[in-house]
Amino acid sequence: MTEANRILLGVNVDHVATLRQARGTRYPDPVKAALDAEEAGADGITVHLREDRRH
């Protein structure tokens, strides 16, 4: 597979933060999830910041 037609992997860590908020704990850690995804070969990481800073 050439670089031009390679499938890219983007990882969204929003649900990791949602899960942490629902549990009321400090885990799972969205930053660690993003770093793990990058280490595993993800081409991009997405996270959406919330105005209310809930998670």
Protein backbone atom coordinates (compact mmCIF):
# COMPACT_ATOMS: atom_id res chain seq x y z
CA MET A 1 0.00 0.00 0.00
CA THR A 2 1.44 3.37 -0.95
CA GLU A 3 1.36 6.48 1.20
CA ALA A 4 -1.20 8.05 -1.17
CA ASN A 5 -3.83 5.36 -0.63
CA ARG A 6 -3.02 4.43 2.96
CA ILE A 7 -5.97 4.36 5.35
CA LEU A 8 -5.41 6.80 8.21
CA LEU A 9 -6.57 6.11 11.75
CA GLY A 10 -8.00 8.92 13.83
CA VAL A 11 -8.88 8.30 17.47
CA ASN A 12 -11.46 10.35 19.39
CA VAL A 13 -10.89 10.30 23.16
CA ASP A 14 -14.10 12.15 24.10
CA HIS A 15 -15.77 8.95 25.29
CA VAL A 16 -12.85 8.21 27.59
CA ALA A 17 -13.49 11.53 29.34
CA THR A 18 -17.25 10.85 29.42
CA LEU A 19 -16.66 7.47 31.06
CA ARG A 20 -14.36 9.03 33.67
CA GLN A 21 -16.95 11.70 34.43
CA ALA A 22 -19.73 9.12 34.78
CA ARG A 23 -17.62 7.07 37.20
CA GLY A 24 -16.65 10.11 39.25
CA THR A 25 -13.01 8.98 39.26
CA ARG A 26 -9.66 10.11 37.87
CA TYR A 27 -9.55 7.15 35.48
CA PRO A 28 -9.56 6.34 32.68
CA ASP A 29 -7.20 9.14 31.74
CA PRO A 30 -7.93 10.75 28.34
CA VAL A 31 -4.32 11.91 28.00
CA LYS A 32 -3.02 8.37 28.58
CA ALA A 33 -5.58 7.06 26.09
CA ALA A 34 -4.33 9.55 23.50
CA LEU A 35 -0.70 8.64 24.15
CA ASP A 36 -1.51 4.92 23.95
CA ALA A 37 -3.32 5.47 20.64
CA GLU A 38 -0.38 7.44 19.26
CA GLU A 39 2.07 4.75 20.37
CA ALA A 40 -0.12 2.13 18.68
CA GLY A 41 0.09 4.01 15.38
CA ALA A 42 -2.86 6.41 15.31
CA ASP A 43 -2.42 9.15 12.73
CA GLY A 44 -4.52 11.70 14.60
CA ILE A 45 -6.11 12.33 18.00
CA THR A 46 -9.36 14.27 18.44
CA VAL A 47 -10.81 15.72 21.63
CA HIS A 48 -13.58 18.30 21.97
CA LEU A 49 -13.32 20.72 24.88
CA ARG A 50 -16.55 21.46 26.72
CA GLU A 51 -17.44 24.97 27.79
CA ASP A 52 -18.74 23.75 31.13
CA ARG A 53 -15.42 21.93 31.81
CA ARG A 54 -17.41 18.93 32.99
CA HIS A 55 -14.81 16.53 31.63
